[in-house]
């Protein structure tokens, strides 16, 4: 335990009516939208010294997101993954990703 934190005994149990375990599963609610109603953000990160381009958040079903990712990876000739509503692509290829997604009728947020 790190310094300065308080010890808490209420993790996963209810103290009101005995020792009943709480089984609260928080369901993820995803509203599936059309590609033209997305407001995507394009970011660049460095991971282990390599550039990674991130695009998201996508409001698609997992199957539709995987199909879109496959199309983009073939078109851009790079590797990538879909994690938690964001697509990750290897390399600093932001302008190419933007053009490819706009060709698929996705919209981006305007920079401030």
N, C-alpha and C. Protein backbone atom coordinates (compact mmCIF):
# COMPACT_ATOMS: atom_id res chain seq x y z
N UNK A 1 0.85 -1.16 0.00
CA UNK A 1 0.00 0.00 0.00
C UNK A 1 0.90 1.23 0.00
N UNK A 2 0.57 2.22 -0.80
CA UNK A 2 1.39 3.42 -0.86
C UNK A 2 1.08 4.35 0.30
N UNK A 3 1.96 5.26 0.53
CA UNK A 3 1.79 6.20 1.64
C UNK A 3 0.64 7.15 1.39
N UNK A 4 -0.05 7.48 2.45
CA UNK A 4 -1.08 8.51 2.37
C UNK A 4 -2.45 8.02 1.94
N UNK A 5 -2.60 6.73 1.65
CA UNK A 5 -3.93 6.24 1.28
C UNK A 5 -4.59 5.59 2.49
N UNK A 6 -5.88 5.71 2.54
CA UNK A 6 -6.64 5.14 3.65
C UNK A 6 -7.04 3.72 3.32
N UNK A 7 -7.07 2.89 4.32
CA UNK A 7 -7.46 1.51 4.14
C UNK A 7 -8.98 1.42 4.13
N UNK A 8 -9.53 0.84 3.08
CA UNK A 8 -10.97 0.74 2.94
C UNK A 8 -11.37 -0.73 2.95
N UNK A 9 -12.40 -1.06 3.72
CA UNK A 9 -12.85 -2.44 3.83
C UNK A 9 -14.09 -2.74 3.00
N UNK A 10 -14.59 -1.77 2.27
CA UNK A 10 -15.82 -2.01 1.53
C UNK A 10 -15.53 -2.24 0.05
N UNK A 11 -14.92 -3.34 -0.26
CA UNK A 11 -14.65 -3.68 -1.65
C UNK A 11 -15.44 -4.92 -2.03
N UNK A 12 -16.50 -4.72 -2.80
CA UNK A 12 -17.29 -5.82 -3.31
C UNK A 12 -18.28 -6.43 -2.34
N UNK A 13 -18.54 -5.84 -1.20
CA UNK A 13 -19.50 -6.42 -0.27
C UNK A 13 -20.40 -5.32 0.27
N UNK A 14 -21.54 -5.72 0.78
CA UNK A 14 -22.51 -4.80 1.34
C UNK A 14 -22.51 -4.95 2.85
N UNK A 15 -22.40 -3.87 3.58
CA UNK A 15 -22.36 -3.91 5.04
C UNK A 15 -23.75 -3.77 5.66
N UNK A 16 -24.79 -3.54 4.86
CA UNK A 16 -26.13 -3.28 5.39
C UNK A 16 -26.79 -4.54 5.94
N UNK A 17 -26.96 -5.56 5.15
CA UNK A 17 -27.71 -6.75 5.55
C UNK A 17 -26.80 -7.98 5.60
N UNK A 18 -25.79 -7.95 6.35
CA UNK A 18 -24.89 -9.10 6.43
C UNK A 18 -23.76 -9.00 5.42
N UNK A 19 -23.22 -10.15 5.05
CA UNK A 19 -22.08 -10.20 4.13
C UNK A 19 -22.48 -10.67 2.75
N UNK A 20 -23.45 -10.07 2.15
CA UNK A 20 -23.88 -10.45 0.81
C UNK A 20 -22.98 -9.77 -0.21
N UNK A 21 -22.50 -10.56 -1.15
CA UNK A 21 -21.69 -10.00 -2.22
C UNK A 21 -22.57 -9.27 -3.22
N UNK A 22 -22.11 -8.14 -3.65
CA UNK A 22 -22.84 -7.38 -4.66
C UNK A 22 -22.37 -7.82 -6.03
N UNK A 23 -23.28 -8.16 -6.86
CA UNK A 23 -22.93 -8.57 -8.22
C UNK A 23 -23.50 -7.54 -9.20
N UNK A 24 -22.87 -6.40 -9.20
CA UNK A 24 -23.29 -5.34 -10.11
C UNK A 24 -22.42 -5.40 -11.34
N UNK A 25 -23.02 -5.68 -12.44
CA UNK A 25 -22.29 -5.66 -13.70
C UNK A 25 -22.76 -4.42 -14.45
N UNK A 26 -21.83 -3.57 -14.71
CA UNK A 26 -22.16 -2.35 -15.42
C UNK A 26 -22.15 -2.64 -16.92
N UNK A 27 -23.31 -2.56 -17.52
CA UNK A 27 -23.44 -2.84 -18.94
C UNK A 27 -22.98 -1.62 -19.74
N UNK A 28 -22.24 -1.90 -20.76
CA UNK A 28 -21.78 -0.85 -21.66
C UNK A 28 -22.87 -0.57 -22.68
N UNK A 29 -23.31 0.65 -22.75
CA UNK A 29 -24.34 1.01 -23.71
C UNK A 29 -23.66 1.72 -24.87
N UNK A 30 -23.77 1.11 -26.05
CA UNK A 30 -23.17 1.68 -27.24
C UNK A 30 -24.28 2.02 -28.21
N UNK A 31 -24.33 3.27 -28.59
CA UNK A 31 -25.30 3.71 -29.57
C UNK A 31 -24.63 3.65 -30.93
N UNK A 32 -25.15 2.80 -31.79
CA UNK A 32 -24.55 2.63 -33.11
C UNK A 32 -25.06 3.73 -34.02
N UNK A 33 -24.10 4.46 -34.60
CA UNK A 33 -24.44 5.59 -35.45
C UNK A 33 -23.97 5.34 -36.88
N UNK A 34 -24.53 6.12 -37.78
CA UNK A 34 -24.10 6.09 -39.18
C UNK A 34 -22.71 6.71 -39.28
N UNK A 35 -21.95 6.35 -40.31
CA UNK A 35 -20.62 6.95 -40.46
C UNK A 35 -20.64 8.47 -40.60
N UNK A 36 -21.67 9.02 -41.20
CA UNK A 36 -21.70 10.47 -41.40
C UNK A 36 -21.97 11.24 -40.11
N UNK A 37 -22.43 10.56 -39.05
CA UNK A 37 -22.73 11.24 -37.79
C UNK A 37 -21.61 11.12 -36.76
N UNK A 38 -20.51 10.51 -37.14
CA UNK A 38 -19.36 10.39 -36.23
C UNK A 38 -18.61 11.72 -36.17
N UNK A 39 -18.01 11.97 -35.04
CA UNK A 39 -17.13 13.14 -34.87
C UNK A 39 -15.79 12.60 -34.36
N UNK A 40 -14.96 12.15 -35.29
CA UNK A 40 -13.73 11.46 -34.94
C UNK A 40 -12.60 12.43 -34.61
N UNK A 41 -11.66 11.94 -33.82
CA UNK A 41 -10.47 12.70 -33.43
C UNK A 41 -9.26 11.91 -33.90
N UNK A 42 -8.28 12.60 -34.43
CA UNK A 42 -7.04 11.98 -34.89
C UNK A 42 -5.92 12.40 -33.95
N UNK A 43 -5.22 11.41 -33.36
CA UNK A 43 -4.14 11.69 -32.42
C UNK A 43 -2.90 10.92 -32.82
N UNK A 44 -1.77 11.40 -32.31
CA UNK A 44 -0.49 10.71 -32.55
C UNK A 44 0.17 10.47 -31.21
N UNK A 45 0.67 9.25 -31.00
CA UNK A 45 1.38 8.90 -29.77
C UNK A 45 2.68 8.22 -30.13
N UNK A 46 3.58 8.19 -29.15
CA UNK A 46 4.82 7.43 -29.29
C UNK A 46 4.78 6.30 -28.29
N UNK A 47 5.00 5.09 -28.77
CA UNK A 47 5.04 3.91 -27.92
C UNK A 47 6.32 3.15 -28.22
N UNK A 48 7.15 3.03 -27.20
CA UNK A 48 8.45 2.37 -27.32
C UNK A 48 9.28 2.97 -28.45
N UNK A 49 9.19 4.29 -28.62
CA UNK A 49 9.97 4.98 -29.63
C UNK A 49 9.37 4.95 -31.02
N UNK A 50 8.23 4.31 -31.20
CA UNK A 50 7.58 4.21 -32.51
C UNK A 50 6.33 5.08 -32.52
N UNK A 51 6.00 5.62 -33.67
CA UNK A 51 4.81 6.46 -33.81
C UNK A 51 3.57 5.58 -34.01
N UNK A 52 2.48 5.97 -33.35
CA UNK A 52 1.20 5.28 -33.47
C UNK A 52 0.13 6.34 -33.72
N UNK A 53 -0.70 6.12 -34.72
CA UNK A 53 -1.81 7.04 -35.01
C UNK A 53 -3.09 6.45 -34.45
N UNK A 54 -3.84 7.25 -33.69
CA UNK A 54 -5.09 6.82 -33.08
C UNK A 54 -6.25 7.59 -33.69
N UNK A 55 -7.34 6.88 -33.97
CA UNK A 55 -8.55 7.50 -34.50
C UNK A 55 -9.73 6.99 -33.69
N UNK A 56 -10.60 7.90 -33.29
CA UNK A 56 -11.78 7.46 -32.53
C UNK A 56 -12.49 8.64 -31.93
N UNK A 57 -13.43 8.47 -31.13
CA UNK A 57 -14.12 7.23 -30.76
C UNK A 57 -15.15 6.83 -31.80
N UNK A 58 -15.18 5.55 -32.11
CA UNK A 58 -16.13 5.02 -33.07
C UNK A 58 -17.37 4.52 -32.33
N UNK A 59 -18.53 4.73 -32.91
CA UNK A 59 -19.80 4.23 -32.37
C UNK A 59 -20.35 3.19 -33.33
N UNK A 60 -19.62 2.08 -33.44
CA UNK A 60 -19.98 1.01 -34.35
C UNK A 60 -20.07 -0.30 -33.58
N UNK A 61 -20.77 -1.26 -34.16
CA UNK A 61 -20.74 -2.60 -33.57
C UNK A 61 -19.34 -3.18 -33.80
N UNK A 62 -19.00 -4.19 -33.03
CA UNK A 62 -17.66 -4.77 -33.13
C UNK A 62 -17.39 -5.35 -34.52
N UNK A 63 -18.39 -5.98 -35.11
CA UNK A 63 -18.21 -6.56 -36.45
C UNK A 63 -17.98 -5.49 -37.50
N UNK A 64 -18.77 -4.40 -37.43
CA UNK A 64 -18.61 -3.32 -38.40
C UNK A 64 -17.27 -2.62 -38.22
N UNK A 65 -16.84 -2.46 -36.98
CA UNK A 65 -15.55 -1.83 -36.72
C UNK A 65 -14.40 -2.69 -37.24
N UNK A 66 -14.50 -4.01 -37.06
CA UNK A 66 -13.45 -4.90 -37.57
C UNK A 66 -13.41 -4.89 -39.10
N UNK A 67 -14.57 -4.83 -39.75
CA UNK A 67 -14.60 -4.74 -41.21
C UNK A 67 -13.97 -3.44 -41.70
N UNK A 68 -14.31 -2.35 -41.03
CA UNK A 68 -13.73 -1.05 -41.40
C UNK A 68 -12.23 -1.06 -41.18
N UNK A 69 -11.78 -1.64 -40.08
CA UNK A 69 -10.35 -1.72 -39.79
C UNK A 69 -9.63 -2.53 -40.86
N UNK A 70 -10.20 -3.64 -41.27
CA UNK A 70 -9.59 -4.48 -42.30
C UNK A 70 -9.46 -3.73 -43.62
N UNK A 71 -10.50 -2.99 -43.98
CA UNK A 71 -10.46 -2.20 -45.22
C UNK A 71 -9.36 -1.15 -45.14
N UNK A 72 -9.27 -0.46 -44.01
CA UNK A 72 -8.27 0.58 -43.85
C UNK A 72 -6.86 0.03 -43.84
N UNK A 73 -6.65 -1.10 -43.17
CA UNK A 73 -5.31 -1.68 -43.12
C UNK A 73 -4.84 -2.10 -44.51
N UNK A 74 -5.74 -2.63 -45.32
CA UNK A 74 -5.38 -3.01 -46.69
C UNK A 74 -5.10 -1.78 -47.55
N UNK A 75 -5.93 -0.75 -47.38
CA UNK A 75 -5.77 0.46 -48.19
C UNK A 75 -4.50 1.22 -47.82
N UNK A 76 -4.16 1.26 -46.53
CA UNK A 76 -3.01 2.03 -46.06
C UNK A 76 -1.73 1.20 -45.97
N UNK A 77 -1.82 -0.10 -46.15
CA UNK A 77 -0.67 -1.01 -46.08
C UNK A 77 0.09 -0.87 -44.77
N UNK A 78 -0.64 -1.00 -43.66
CA UNK A 78 -0.02 -0.91 -42.34
C UNK A 78 -0.76 -1.83 -41.38
N UNK A 79 -0.18 -2.03 -40.22
CA UNK A 79 -0.82 -2.84 -39.19
C UNK A 79 -1.70 -1.96 -38.32
N UNK A 80 -2.61 -2.60 -37.61
CA UNK A 80 -3.48 -1.84 -36.73
C UNK A 80 -4.31 -2.73 -35.85
N UNK A 81 -5.05 -2.11 -34.94
CA UNK A 81 -5.91 -2.84 -34.00
C UNK A 81 -7.08 -1.95 -33.63
N UNK A 82 -8.16 -2.61 -33.14
CA UNK A 82 -9.35 -1.91 -32.66
C UNK A 82 -9.50 -2.23 -31.19
N UNK A 83 -9.38 -1.20 -30.34
CA UNK A 83 -9.46 -1.40 -28.89
C UNK A 83 -10.35 -0.33 -28.27
N UNK A 84 -11.39 -0.74 -27.59
CA UNK A 84 -12.26 0.13 -26.80
C UNK A 84 -12.76 1.35 -27.58
N UNK A 85 -13.19 1.14 -28.81
CA UNK A 85 -13.75 2.22 -29.60
C UNK A 85 -12.74 3.04 -30.37
N UNK A 86 -11.48 2.73 -30.26
CA UNK A 86 -10.42 3.47 -30.96
C UNK A 86 -9.67 2.53 -31.89
N UNK A 87 -9.29 3.05 -33.07
CA UNK A 87 -8.47 2.29 -34.00
C UNK A 87 -7.04 2.80 -33.90
N UNK A 88 -6.10 1.87 -33.80
CA UNK A 88 -4.69 2.20 -33.69
C UNK A 88 -3.99 1.72 -34.96
N UNK A 89 -3.19 2.59 -35.55
CA UNK A 89 -2.44 2.25 -36.75
C UNK A 89 -0.96 2.48 -36.51
N UNK A 90 -0.14 1.61 -37.09
CA UNK A 90 1.30 1.73 -36.94
C UNK A 90 1.80 2.84 -37.85
N UNK A 91 2.60 3.73 -37.29
CA UNK A 91 3.21 4.80 -38.07
C UNK A 91 2.48 6.12 -37.95
N UNK A 92 3.14 7.16 -38.40
CA UNK A 92 2.57 8.51 -38.40
C UNK A 92 1.92 8.75 -39.76
N UNK A 93 0.72 8.24 -39.94
CA UNK A 93 0.03 8.31 -41.23
C UNK A 93 -1.31 9.02 -41.09
N UNK A 94 -1.35 10.06 -40.29
CA UNK A 94 -2.58 10.79 -40.01
C UNK A 94 -3.32 11.29 -41.24
N UNK A 95 -2.65 12.01 -42.15
CA UNK A 95 -3.37 12.52 -43.34
C UNK A 95 -3.95 11.41 -44.22
N UNK A 96 -3.23 10.29 -44.34
CA UNK A 96 -3.73 9.17 -45.15
C UNK A 96 -4.97 8.55 -44.50
N UNK A 97 -4.95 8.43 -43.18
CA UNK A 97 -6.10 7.87 -42.46
C UNK A 97 -7.31 8.77 -42.64
N UNK A 98 -7.08 10.07 -42.52
CA UNK A 98 -8.18 11.03 -42.66
C UNK A 98 -8.82 10.93 -44.04
N UNK A 99 -8.00 10.88 -45.10
CA UNK A 99 -8.52 10.76 -46.47
C UNK A 99 -9.30 9.46 -46.66
N UNK A 100 -8.75 8.36 -46.14
CA UNK A 100 -9.41 7.06 -46.31
C UNK A 100 -10.75 7.01 -45.57
N UNK A 101 -10.81 7.56 -44.36
CA UNK A 101 -12.07 7.55 -43.61
C UNK A 101 -13.08 8.52 -44.20
N UNK A 102 -12.63 9.64 -44.72
CA UNK A 102 -13.56 10.56 -45.37
C UNK A 102 -14.12 9.95 -46.65
N UNK A 103 -13.33 9.11 -47.33
CA UNK A 103 -13.83 8.39 -48.50
C UNK A 103 -14.91 7.38 -48.11
N UNK A 104 -14.84 6.87 -46.87
CA UNK A 104 -15.87 5.95 -46.35
C UNK A 104 -17.01 6.71 -45.67
N UNK A 105 -17.06 8.03 -45.84
CA UNK A 105 -18.10 8.95 -45.35
C UNK A 105 -18.11 9.15 -43.84
N UNK A 106 -16.95 9.01 -43.18
CA UNK A 106 -16.83 9.35 -41.76
C UNK A 106 -16.47 10.84 -41.66
N UNK A 107 -16.89 11.48 -40.57
CA UNK A 107 -16.62 12.90 -40.35
C UNK A 107 -15.68 13.08 -39.16
N UNK A 108 -14.89 14.15 -39.22
CA UNK A 108 -13.95 14.47 -38.14
C UNK A 108 -14.38 15.76 -37.46
N UNK A 109 -13.96 15.91 -36.21
CA UNK A 109 -14.17 17.18 -35.51
C UNK A 109 -13.25 18.21 -36.11
N UNK A 110 -13.72 19.44 -36.13
CA UNK A 110 -12.90 20.52 -36.65
C UNK A 110 -11.90 20.95 -35.58
N UNK A 111 -10.63 21.16 -35.94
CA UNK A 111 -9.65 21.59 -34.93
C UNK A 111 -9.99 22.96 -34.41
N UNK A 112 -9.65 23.18 -33.12
CA UNK A 112 -9.96 24.46 -32.49
C UNK A 112 -9.00 25.53 -32.91
